[in-house]
Amino acid sequence: MRDARITPIYEGTNGIQALDLLARKVLGDRGQALRDFLSSVQNFAADASSAPEVSAMADKLSALVERTRGVAAGFTEAVRPDPDAVSIAANHFLRLLGHVTLGFLWLRMARLALDQAKEDQQGRGDFLAAKVSTARFYFERLLPEVEMHFAALSATPDSVMVPLSHLS
């Protein structure tokens, strides 16, 4: 427990990491590194969709990447991003990208497991099948959390940043 708890302290809180990701990493290069990453994920998902066992997962990941591109474009294409909007969106953006990354990794594991199962000579069939099942669990049970993050990211910052003149 101590080791699990110390990581956010050494690396900075999730909020600080979220601000760093969106304000410095994504906006710092106007989203180029993010676009490159999302293109890599999209290409892998397109390739993985040819395997019927994982095609539904690949389609979900492709759709997620497209929606994430749209959200990121809202920040990176702004001439001068609103600092309040960036601060408010940072945590949801971090979690959204976390799901993109986890979806990519689970799809990759499932695809590798399927490929290895075809050549399995070590009797690891149950283990490999469990990888595919766990990936399916992720895509069906955990990935839908992105809907909350998309909803929060599409909301305007004025529900959080209320002008002082409205308080009197």
N, C-alpha and C. Protein backbone atom coordinates (compact mmCIF):
# COMPACT_ATOMS: atom_id res chain seq x y z
N MET A 1 0.83 -1.19 0.00
CA MET A 1 0.00 0.00 0.00
C MET A 1 0.88 1.26 0.00
N ARG A 2 1.95 1.21 0.79
CA ARG A 2 2.84 2.37 0.85
C ARG A 2 3.42 2.68 -0.53
N ASP A 3 3.88 1.65 -1.24
CA ASP A 3 4.47 1.86 -2.56
C ASP A 3 3.44 2.37 -3.56
N ALA A 4 2.22 1.88 -3.47
CA ALA A 4 1.17 2.34 -4.38
C ALA A 4 0.81 3.80 -4.09
N ARG A 5 0.84 4.19 -2.84
CA ARG A 5 0.47 5.55 -2.45
C ARG A 5 1.57 6.57 -2.75
N ILE A 6 2.82 6.14 -2.72
CA ILE A 6 3.91 7.08 -2.88
C ILE A 6 4.08 7.56 -4.32
N THR A 7 3.65 6.76 -5.29
CA THR A 7 3.83 7.14 -6.70
C THR A 7 3.19 8.48 -7.02
N PRO A 8 1.90 8.71 -6.65
CA PRO A 8 1.34 10.03 -6.96
C PRO A 8 2.04 11.17 -6.23
N ILE A 9 2.63 10.88 -5.10
CA ILE A 9 3.32 11.93 -4.36
C ILE A 9 4.64 12.27 -5.06
N TYR A 10 5.39 11.25 -5.45
CA TYR A 10 6.66 11.50 -6.15
C TYR A 10 6.42 12.17 -7.50
N GLU A 11 5.44 11.68 -8.21
CA GLU A 11 5.20 12.16 -9.57
C GLU A 11 4.31 13.39 -9.62
N GLY A 12 3.73 13.78 -8.53
CA GLY A 12 2.79 14.90 -8.50
C GLY A 12 1.38 14.36 -8.46
N THR A 13 0.50 15.15 -7.91
CA THR A 13 -0.88 14.69 -7.80
C THR A 13 -1.49 14.49 -9.18
N ASN A 14 -2.60 13.76 -9.22
CA ASN A 14 -3.28 13.56 -10.49
C ASN A 14 -3.67 14.89 -11.12
N GLY A 15 -4.10 15.84 -10.31
CA GLY A 15 -4.47 17.15 -10.84
C GLY A 15 -3.31 17.87 -11.48
N ILE A 16 -2.15 17.80 -10.85
CA ILE A 16 -0.95 18.43 -11.42
C ILE A 16 -0.55 17.72 -12.71
N GLN A 17 -0.61 16.38 -12.70
CA GLN A 17 -0.28 15.62 -13.91
C GLN A 17 -1.26 15.96 -15.04
N ALA A 18 -2.53 16.11 -14.68
CA ALA A 18 -3.54 16.44 -15.69
C ALA A 18 -3.28 17.80 -16.30
N LEU A 19 -2.98 18.80 -15.47
CA LEU A 19 -2.65 20.13 -15.98
C LEU A 19 -1.40 20.10 -16.85
N ASP A 20 -0.40 19.34 -16.42
CA ASP A 20 0.83 19.22 -17.19
C ASP A 20 0.55 18.59 -18.55
N LEU A 21 -0.26 17.53 -18.55
CA LEU A 21 -0.57 16.86 -19.81
C LEU A 21 -1.24 17.80 -20.79
N LEU A 22 -2.32 18.43 -20.36
CA LEU A 22 -3.08 19.26 -21.30
C LEU A 22 -2.39 20.59 -21.60
N ALA A 23 -1.96 21.30 -20.57
CA ALA A 23 -1.40 22.64 -20.78
C ALA A 23 -0.01 22.62 -21.41
N ARG A 24 0.83 21.70 -20.97
CA ARG A 24 2.21 21.73 -21.47
C ARG A 24 2.46 20.72 -22.57
N LYS A 25 2.01 19.48 -22.36
CA LYS A 25 2.34 18.44 -23.33
C LYS A 25 1.48 18.54 -24.60
N VAL A 26 0.18 18.69 -24.44
CA VAL A 26 -0.69 18.74 -25.61
C VAL A 26 -0.65 20.12 -26.26
N LEU A 27 -0.89 21.16 -25.48
CA LEU A 27 -0.91 22.50 -26.05
C LEU A 27 0.49 23.00 -26.39
N GLY A 28 1.50 22.45 -25.72
CA GLY A 28 2.88 22.89 -25.95
C GLY A 28 3.33 22.70 -27.38
N ASP A 29 2.88 21.62 -28.03
CA ASP A 29 3.25 21.41 -29.43
C ASP A 29 2.02 21.47 -30.34
N ARG A 30 0.98 22.16 -29.83
CA ARG A 30 -0.28 22.33 -30.56
C ARG A 30 -0.91 20.99 -30.91
N GLY A 31 -0.65 19.97 -30.09
CA GLY A 31 -1.30 18.67 -30.24
C GLY A 31 -0.64 17.70 -31.19
N GLN A 32 0.56 18.02 -31.68
CA GLN A 32 1.19 17.15 -32.68
C GLN A 32 1.52 15.77 -32.11
N ALA A 33 2.13 15.70 -30.95
CA ALA A 33 2.47 14.39 -30.37
C ALA A 33 1.20 13.58 -30.09
N LEU A 34 0.16 14.26 -29.62
CA LEU A 34 -1.10 13.57 -29.38
C LEU A 34 -1.68 13.05 -30.69
N ARG A 35 -1.67 13.86 -31.74
CA ARG A 35 -2.17 13.40 -33.04
C ARG A 35 -1.39 12.19 -33.53
N ASP A 36 -0.06 12.21 -33.33
CA ASP A 36 0.77 11.06 -33.74
C ASP A 36 0.38 9.81 -32.96
N PHE A 37 0.20 9.97 -31.65
CA PHE A 37 -0.19 8.83 -30.82
C PHE A 37 -1.55 8.29 -31.24
N LEU A 38 -2.52 9.19 -31.40
CA LEU A 38 -3.86 8.76 -31.79
C LEU A 38 -3.86 8.09 -33.16
N SER A 39 -3.02 8.56 -34.07
CA SER A 39 -2.91 7.91 -35.38
C SER A 39 -2.36 6.50 -35.25
N SER A 40 -1.37 6.32 -34.38
CA SER A 40 -0.82 4.98 -34.15
C SER A 40 -1.88 4.04 -33.59
N VAL A 41 -2.65 4.54 -32.64
CA VAL A 41 -3.71 3.73 -32.04
C VAL A 41 -4.76 3.41 -33.10
N GLN A 42 -5.13 4.40 -33.89
CA GLN A 42 -6.14 4.21 -34.94
C GLN A 42 -5.67 3.18 -35.96
N ASN A 43 -4.42 3.26 -36.37
CA ASN A 43 -3.88 2.30 -37.33
C ASN A 43 -3.89 0.88 -36.77
N PHE A 44 -3.51 0.75 -35.50
CA PHE A 44 -3.53 -0.57 -34.89
C PHE A 44 -4.96 -1.11 -34.82
N ALA A 45 -5.90 -0.27 -34.42
CA ALA A 45 -7.30 -0.70 -34.32
C ALA A 45 -7.82 -1.12 -35.69
N ALA A 46 -7.46 -0.39 -36.73
CA ALA A 46 -7.91 -0.75 -38.08
C ALA A 46 -7.36 -2.11 -38.47
N ASP A 47 -6.10 -2.37 -38.14
CA ASP A 47 -5.49 -3.66 -38.45
C ASP A 47 -6.14 -4.77 -37.62
N ALA A 48 -6.38 -4.50 -36.35
CA ALA A 48 -6.95 -5.51 -35.46
C ALA A 48 -8.39 -5.84 -35.82
N SER A 49 -9.09 -4.93 -36.46
CA SER A 49 -10.49 -5.18 -36.78
C SER A 49 -10.68 -6.32 -37.77
N SER A 50 -9.60 -6.75 -38.41
CA SER A 50 -9.70 -7.87 -39.35
C SER A 50 -9.86 -9.21 -38.63
N ALA A 51 -9.57 -9.24 -37.33
CA ALA A 51 -9.75 -10.47 -36.55
C ALA A 51 -11.15 -10.46 -35.95
N PRO A 52 -12.02 -11.37 -36.36
CA PRO A 52 -13.41 -11.34 -35.90
C PRO A 52 -13.56 -11.36 -34.37
N GLU A 53 -12.66 -12.03 -33.69
CA GLU A 53 -12.76 -12.16 -32.23
C GLU A 53 -12.59 -10.83 -31.51
N VAL A 54 -11.90 -9.89 -32.13
CA VAL A 54 -11.65 -8.59 -31.48
C VAL A 54 -12.16 -7.41 -32.29
N SER A 55 -12.89 -7.68 -33.36
CA SER A 55 -13.32 -6.58 -34.23
C SER A 55 -14.24 -5.59 -33.51
N ALA A 56 -15.11 -6.07 -32.63
CA ALA A 56 -15.99 -5.15 -31.90
C ALA A 56 -15.18 -4.23 -31.00
N MET A 57 -14.14 -4.78 -30.35
CA MET A 57 -13.28 -3.95 -29.51
C MET A 57 -12.52 -2.94 -30.36
N ALA A 58 -12.03 -3.37 -31.50
CA ALA A 58 -11.28 -2.48 -32.39
C ALA A 58 -12.18 -1.35 -32.88
N ASP A 59 -13.44 -1.66 -33.19
CA ASP A 59 -14.37 -0.62 -33.65
C ASP A 59 -14.64 0.39 -32.53
N LYS A 60 -14.79 -0.09 -31.30
CA LYS A 60 -15.01 0.82 -30.17
C LYS A 60 -13.80 1.73 -29.96
N LEU A 61 -12.61 1.16 -30.09
CA LEU A 61 -11.40 1.96 -29.91
C LEU A 61 -11.27 2.99 -31.04
N SER A 62 -11.58 2.61 -32.26
CA SER A 62 -11.51 3.57 -33.38
C SER A 62 -12.47 4.73 -33.14
N ALA A 63 -13.67 4.43 -32.70
CA ALA A 63 -14.65 5.49 -32.44
C ALA A 63 -14.17 6.40 -31.31
N LEU A 64 -13.59 5.81 -30.29
CA LEU A 64 -13.06 6.59 -29.17
C LEU A 64 -11.95 7.52 -29.63
N VAL A 65 -11.07 7.02 -30.48
CA VAL A 65 -9.97 7.85 -30.99
C VAL A 65 -10.53 9.04 -31.78
N GLU A 66 -11.52 8.80 -32.61
CA GLU A 66 -12.10 9.89 -33.40
C GLU A 66 -12.72 10.96 -32.50
N ARG A 67 -13.44 10.53 -31.49
CA ARG A 67 -14.06 11.49 -30.57
C ARG A 67 -12.99 12.24 -29.77
N THR A 68 -11.95 11.55 -29.39
CA THR A 68 -10.86 12.18 -28.63
C THR A 68 -10.16 13.22 -29.50
N ARG A 69 -9.97 12.90 -30.77
CA ARG A 69 -9.39 13.88 -31.70
C ARG A 69 -10.22 15.16 -31.72
N GLY A 70 -11.52 15.00 -31.76
CA GLY A 70 -12.41 16.16 -31.79
C GLY A 70 -12.29 17.02 -30.55
N VAL A 71 -12.23 16.38 -29.38
CA VAL A 71 -12.09 17.13 -28.13
C VAL A 71 -10.74 17.84 -28.11
N ALA A 72 -9.69 17.13 -28.48
CA ALA A 72 -8.35 17.73 -28.46
C ALA A 72 -8.26 18.89 -29.45
N ALA A 73 -8.92 18.76 -30.58
CA ALA A 73 -8.89 19.84 -31.58
C ALA A 73 -9.50 21.12 -31.02
N GLY A 74 -10.50 20.98 -30.16
CA GLY A 74 -11.10 22.15 -29.56
C GLY A 74 -10.10 22.97 -28.75
N PHE A 75 -9.16 22.28 -28.14
CA PHE A 75 -8.12 22.98 -27.37
C PHE A 75 -6.97 23.44 -28.26
N THR A 76 -6.52 22.58 -29.14
CA THR A 76 -5.31 22.89 -29.91
C THR A 76 -5.55 23.85 -31.05
N GLU A 77 -6.78 23.93 -31.55
CA GLU A 77 -7.05 24.83 -32.66
C GLU A 77 -7.44 26.23 -32.20
N ALA A 78 -7.68 26.40 -30.92
CA ALA A 78 -8.01 27.73 -30.40
C ALA A 78 -6.78 28.63 -30.54
N VAL A 79 -7.00 29.84 -30.99
CA VAL A 79 -5.89 30.78 -31.13
C VAL A 79 -5.24 31.00 -29.78
N ARG A 80 -6.05 31.14 -28.77
CA ARG A 80 -5.55 31.35 -27.43
C ARG A 80 -6.46 30.60 -26.46
N PRO A 81 -6.07 29.36 -26.09
CA PRO A 81 -6.95 28.58 -25.23
C PRO A 81 -7.26 29.30 -23.92
N ASP A 82 -8.51 29.23 -23.51
CA ASP A 82 -8.96 29.83 -22.25
C ASP A 82 -8.32 29.08 -21.09
N PRO A 83 -7.50 29.74 -20.26
CA PRO A 83 -6.83 29.04 -19.16
C PRO A 83 -7.82 28.41 -18.18
N ASP A 84 -8.97 29.05 -17.97
CA ASP A 84 -9.97 28.44 -17.09
C ASP A 84 -10.51 27.16 -17.68
N ALA A 85 -10.80 27.18 -18.97
CA ALA A 85 -11.32 25.99 -19.63
C ALA A 85 -10.30 24.85 -19.58
N VAL A 86 -9.04 25.18 -19.78
CA VAL A 86 -7.97 24.16 -19.73
C VAL A 86 -7.89 23.58 -18.32
N SER A 87 -7.90 24.43 -17.31
CA SER A 87 -7.81 23.95 -15.93
C SER A 87 -8.98 23.05 -15.56
N ILE A 88 -10.17 23.45 -15.99
CA ILE A 88 -11.36 22.68 -15.66
C ILE A 88 -11.40 21.35 -16.40
N ALA A 89 -10.90 21.34 -17.62
CA ALA A 89 -10.97 20.14 -18.46
C ALA A 89 -9.83 19.16 -18.21
N ALA A 90 -8.76 19.60 -17.60
CA ALA A 90 -7.54 18.80 -17.53
C ALA A 90 -7.75 17.41 -16.94
N ASN A 91 -8.44 17.30 -15.82
CA ASN A 91 -8.61 16.00 -15.19
C ASN A 91 -9.43 15.05 -16.06
N HIS A 92 -10.50 15.56 -16.65
CA HIS A 92 -11.31 14.71 -17.53
C HIS A 92 -10.52 14.30 -18.77
N PHE A 93 -9.70 15.21 -19.28
CA PHE A 93 -8.88 14.90 -20.45
C PHE A 93 -7.85 13.82 -20.12
N LEU A 94 -7.22 13.93 -18.95
CA LEU A 94 -6.26 12.93 -18.51
C LEU A 94 -6.92 11.56 -18.43
N ARG A 95 -8.09 11.49 -17.83
CA ARG A 95 -8.78 10.21 -17.69
C ARG A 95 -9.24 9.67 -19.04
N LEU A 96 -9.65 10.56 -19.92
CA LEU A 96 -10.04 10.14 -21.26
C LEU A 96 -8.85 9.51 -21.99
N LEU A 97 -7.71 10.18 -21.95
CA LEU A 97 -6.52 9.63 -22.60
C LEU A 97 -6.05 8.35 -21.92
N GLY A 98 -6.29 8.25 -20.61
CA GLY A 98 -5.98 7.00 -19.92
C GLY A 98 -6.79 5.85 -20.50
N HIS A 99 -8.06 6.10 -20.78
CA HIS A 99 -8.91 5.06 -21.37
C HIS A 99 -8.50 4.75 -22.81
N VAL A 100 -8.11 5.75 -23.56
CA VAL A 100 -7.62 5.49 -24.92
C VAL A 100 -6.40 4.58 -24.84
N THR A 101 -5.49 4.89 -23.93
CA THR A 101 -4.26 4.12 -23.80
C THR A 101 -4.55 2.70 -23.30
N LEU A 102 -5.40 2.58 -22.29
CA LEU A 102 -5.74 1.25 -21.79
C LEU A 102 -6.48 0.43 -22.84
N GLY A 103 -7.38 1.07 -23.58
CA GLY A 103 -8.07 0.37 -24.65
C GLY A 103 -7.09 -0.15 -25.69
N PHE A 104 -6.13 0.69 -26.04
CA PHE A 104 -5.10 0.28 -26.99
C PHE A 104 -4.30 -0.92 -26.46
N LEU A 105 -3.89 -0.84 -25.21
CA LEU A 105 -3.09 -1.93 -24.63
C LEU A 105 -3.89 -3.22 -24.50
N TRP A 106 -5.15 -3.13 -24.09
CA TRP A 106 -5.97 -4.34 -23.98
C TRP A 106 -6.25 -4.95 -25.35
N LEU A 107 -6.49 -4.13 -26.34
CA LEU A 107 -6.70 -4.65 -27.68
C LEU A 107 -5.43 -5.32 -28.20
N ARG A 108 -4.32 -4.71 -27.90
CA ARG A 108 -3.03 -5.29 -28.31
C ARG A 108 -2.79 -6.64 -27.65
N MET A 109 -3.08 -6.71 -26.34
CA MET A 109 -2.91 -7.98 -25.63
C MET A 109 -3.84 -9.05 -26.19
N ALA A 110 -5.08 -8.67 -26.46
CA ALA A 110 -6.04 -9.64 -26.99
C ALA A 110 -5.59 -10.14 -28.37
N ARG A 111 -5.15 -9.22 -29.19
CA ARG A 111 -4.70 -9.61 -30.53
C ARG A 111 -3.47 -10.53 -30.46
N LEU A 112 -2.53 -10.20 -29.59
CA LEU A 112 -1.35 -11.06 -29.42
C LEU A 112 -1.74 -12.42 -28.88
N ALA A 113 -2.67 -12.44 -27.94
CA ALA A 113 -3.13 -13.71 -27.37
C ALA A 113 -3.76 -14.59 -28.45
N LEU A 114 -4.55 -13.97 -29.32
CA LEU A 114 -5.17 -14.74 -30.41
C LEU A 114 -4.10 -15.29 -31.35
N ASP A 115 -3.12 -14.47 -31.68
CA ASP A 115 -2.04 -14.92 -32.57
C ASP A 115 -1.25 -16.05 -31.93
N GLN A 116 -0.95 -15.92 -30.64
CA GLN A 116 -0.18 -16.96 -29.95
C GLN A 116 -1.00 -18.22 -29.76
N ALA A 117 -2.30 -18.11 -29.60
CA ALA A 117 -3.15 -19.29 -29.41
C ALA A 117 -3.13 -20.18 -30.65
N LYS A 118 -2.95 -19.59 -31.82
CA LYS A 118 -2.90 -20.36 -33.06
C LYS A 118 -1.66 -21.26 -33.10
N GLU A 119 -0.60 -20.82 -32.45
CA GLU A 119 0.66 -21.56 -32.46
C GLU A 119 0.99 -22.16 -31.10
N ASP A 120 0.00 -22.22 -30.22
CA ASP A 120 0.23 -22.65 -28.84
C ASP A 120 0.68 -24.11 -28.78
N GLN A 121 1.90 -24.29 -28.36
CA GLN A 121 2.44 -25.64 -28.18
C GLN A 121 2.84 -25.86 -26.73
N GLN A 122 2.54 -24.89 -25.88
CA GLN A 122 2.93 -24.98 -24.48
C GLN A 122 1.72 -25.16 -23.57
N GLY A 123 0.55 -25.36 -24.12
CA GLY A 123 -0.64 -25.57 -23.32
C GLY A 123 -1.09 -24.33 -22.57
N ARG A 124 -0.92 -23.17 -23.17
CA ARG A 124 -1.30 -21.91 -22.52
C ARG A 124 -2.66 -21.40 -23.00
N GLY A 125 -3.45 -22.27 -23.57
CA GLY A 125 -4.73 -21.87 -24.16
C GLY A 125 -5.65 -21.16 -23.19
N ASP A 126 -5.76 -21.66 -21.96
CA ASP A 126 -6.63 -21.03 -20.97
C ASP A 126 -6.13 -19.63 -20.61
N PHE A 127 -4.83 -19.50 -20.45
CA PHE A 127 -4.25 -18.19 -20.15
C PHE A 127 -4.52 -17.20 -21.28
N LEU A 128 -4.31 -17.64 -22.51
CA LEU A 128 -4.51 -16.76 -23.65
C LEU A 128 -5.99 -16.40 -23.83
N ALA A 129 -6.87 -17.36 -23.60
CA ALA A 129 -8.30 -17.08 -23.67
C ALA A 129 -8.72 -16.08 -22.59
N ALA A 130 -8.09 -16.18 -21.42
CA ALA A 130 -8.39 -15.24 -20.33
C ALA A 130 -7.98 -13.82 -20.70
N LYS A 131 -6.89 -13.67 -21.45
CA LYS A 131 -6.47 -12.34 -21.91
C LYS A 131 -7.56 -11.72 -22.79
N VAL A 132 -8.09 -12.50 -23.70
CA VAL A 132 -9.13 -11.99 -24.59
C VAL A 132 -10.39 -11.68 -23.79
N SER A 133 -10.74 -12.53 -22.84
CA SER A 133 -11.92 -12.29 -22.00
C SER A 133 -11.76 -11.03 -21.15
N THR A 134 -10.57 -10.83 -20.62
CA THR A 134 -10.33 -9.64 -19.80
C THR A 134 -10.39 -8.38 -20.65
N ALA A 135 -9.88 -8.45 -21.86
CA ALA A 135 -9.98 -7.31 -22.77
C ALA A 135 -11.44 -7.01 -23.07
N ARG A 136 -12.21 -8.04 -23.32
CA ARG A 136 -13.64 -7.85 -23.59
C ARG A 136 -14.32 -7.21 -22.38
N PHE A 137 -13.97 -7.66 -21.17
CA PHE A 137 -14.51 -7.06 -19.94
C PHE A 137 -14.19 -5.57 -19.90
N TYR A 138 -12.95 -5.23 -20.18
CA TYR A 138 -12.56 -3.81 -20.16
C TYR A 138 -13.42 -3.00 -21.12
N PHE A 139 -13.53 -3.48 -22.35
CA PHE A 139 -14.26 -2.73 -23.36
C PHE A 139 -15.76 -2.63 -23.06
N GLU A 140 -16.33 -3.67 -22.46
CA GLU A 140 -17.76 -3.66 -22.20
C GLU A 140 -18.14 -3.02 -20.86
N ARG A 141 -17.27 -3.11 -19.86
CA ARG A 141 -17.63 -2.67 -18.52
C ARG A 141 -16.93 -1.41 -18.03
N LEU A 142 -15.73 -1.15 -18.48
CA LEU A 142 -14.97 0.00 -17.98
C LEU A 142 -14.88 1.14 -19.00
N LEU A 143 -14.71 0.81 -20.26
CA LEU A 143 -14.58 1.85 -21.27
C LEU A 143 -15.78 2.79 -21.34
N PRO A 144 -17.00 2.33 -21.06
CA PRO A 144 -18.13 3.28 -21.10
C PRO A 144 -17.99 4.48 -20.16
N GLU A 145 -17.06 4.45 -19.22
CA GLU A 145 -16.82 5.60 -18.36
C GLU A 145 -16.43 6.84 -19.16
N VAL A 146 -15.94 6.65 -20.38
CA VAL A 146 -15.53 7.80 -21.18
C VAL A 146 -16.70 8.73 -21.48
N GLU A 147 -17.91 8.19 -21.47
CA GLU A 147 -19.07 9.04 -21.77
C GLU A 147 -19.19 10.19 -20.77
N MET A 148 -18.93 9.90 -19.50
CA MET A 148 -18.96 10.95 -18.48
C MET A 148 -17.90 12.01 -18.77
N HIS A 149 -16.71 11.57 -19.16
CA HIS A 149 -15.64 12.52 -19.44
C HIS A 149 -15.95 13.36 -20.68
N PHE A 150 -16.52 12.74 -21.70
CA PHE A 150 -16.91 13.51 -22.88
C PHE A 150 -17.97 14.55 -22.53
N ALA A 151 -18.93 14.15 -21.70
CA ALA A 151 -19.98 15.10 -21.30
C ALA A 151 -19.39 16.27 -20.54
N ALA A 152 -18.49 15.99 -19.61
CA ALA A 152 -17.86 17.07 -18.84
C ALA A 152 -16.99 17.95 -19.74
N LEU A 153 -16.31 17.35 -20.69
CA LEU A 153 -15.44 18.12 -21.58
C LEU A 153 -16.24 19.00 -22.55
N SER A 154 -17.47 18.62 -22.82
CA SER A 154 -18.27 19.43 -23.74
C SER A 154 -19.02 20.55 -23.02
N ALA A 155 -19.03 20.52 -21.70
CA ALA A 155 -19.71 21.56 -20.93
C ALA A 155 -18.87 22.84 -20.93
N THR A 156 -19.54 23.97 -20.83
CA THR A 156 -18.82 25.24 -20.79
C THR A 156 -18.26 25.47 -19.39
N PRO A 157 -17.16 26.21 -19.29
CA PRO A 157 -16.55 26.43 -17.98
C PRO A 157 -17.34 27.38 -17.08
N ASP A 158 -18.37 28.02 -17.60
CA ASP A 158 -19.06 29.02 -16.80
C ASP A 158 -19.86 28.43 -15.63
N SER A 159 -20.10 27.12 -15.63
CA SER A 159 -20.76 26.52 -14.47
C SER A 159 -19.79 26.37 -13.31
N VAL A 160 -18.50 26.46 -13.59
CA VAL A 160 -17.48 26.36 -12.55
C VAL A 160 -16.92 27.74 -12.22
N MET A 161 -16.65 28.51 -13.24
CA MET A 161 -16.04 29.83 -13.06
C MET A 161 -17.13 30.90 -13.09
N VAL A 162 -17.77 31.10 -11.98
CA VAL A 162 -18.85 32.07 -11.87
C VAL A 162 -18.25 33.44 -11.59
N PRO A 163 -18.58 34.44 -12.41
CA PRO A 163 -18.06 35.80 -12.13
C PRO A 163 -18.52 36.30 -10.76
N LEU A 164 -17.66 37.01 -10.08
CA LEU A 164 -17.99 37.52 -8.75
C LEU A 164 -19.22 38.43 -8.77
N SER A 165 -19.47 39.10 -9.89
CA SER A 165 -20.64 40.00 -9.96
C SER A 165 -21.95 39.22 -9.83
N HIS A 166 -21.94 37.91 -10.15
CA HIS A 166 -23.15 37.09 -10.02
C HIS A 166 -23.42 36.67 -8.59
N LEU A 167 -22.47 36.84 -7.71
CA LEU A 167 -22.62 36.39 -6.33
C LEU A 167 -23.27 37.44 -5.45
N SER A 168 -23.34 38.67 -5.88
CA SER A 168 -23.91 39.71 -5.02
C SER A 168 -25.39 39.89 -5.26
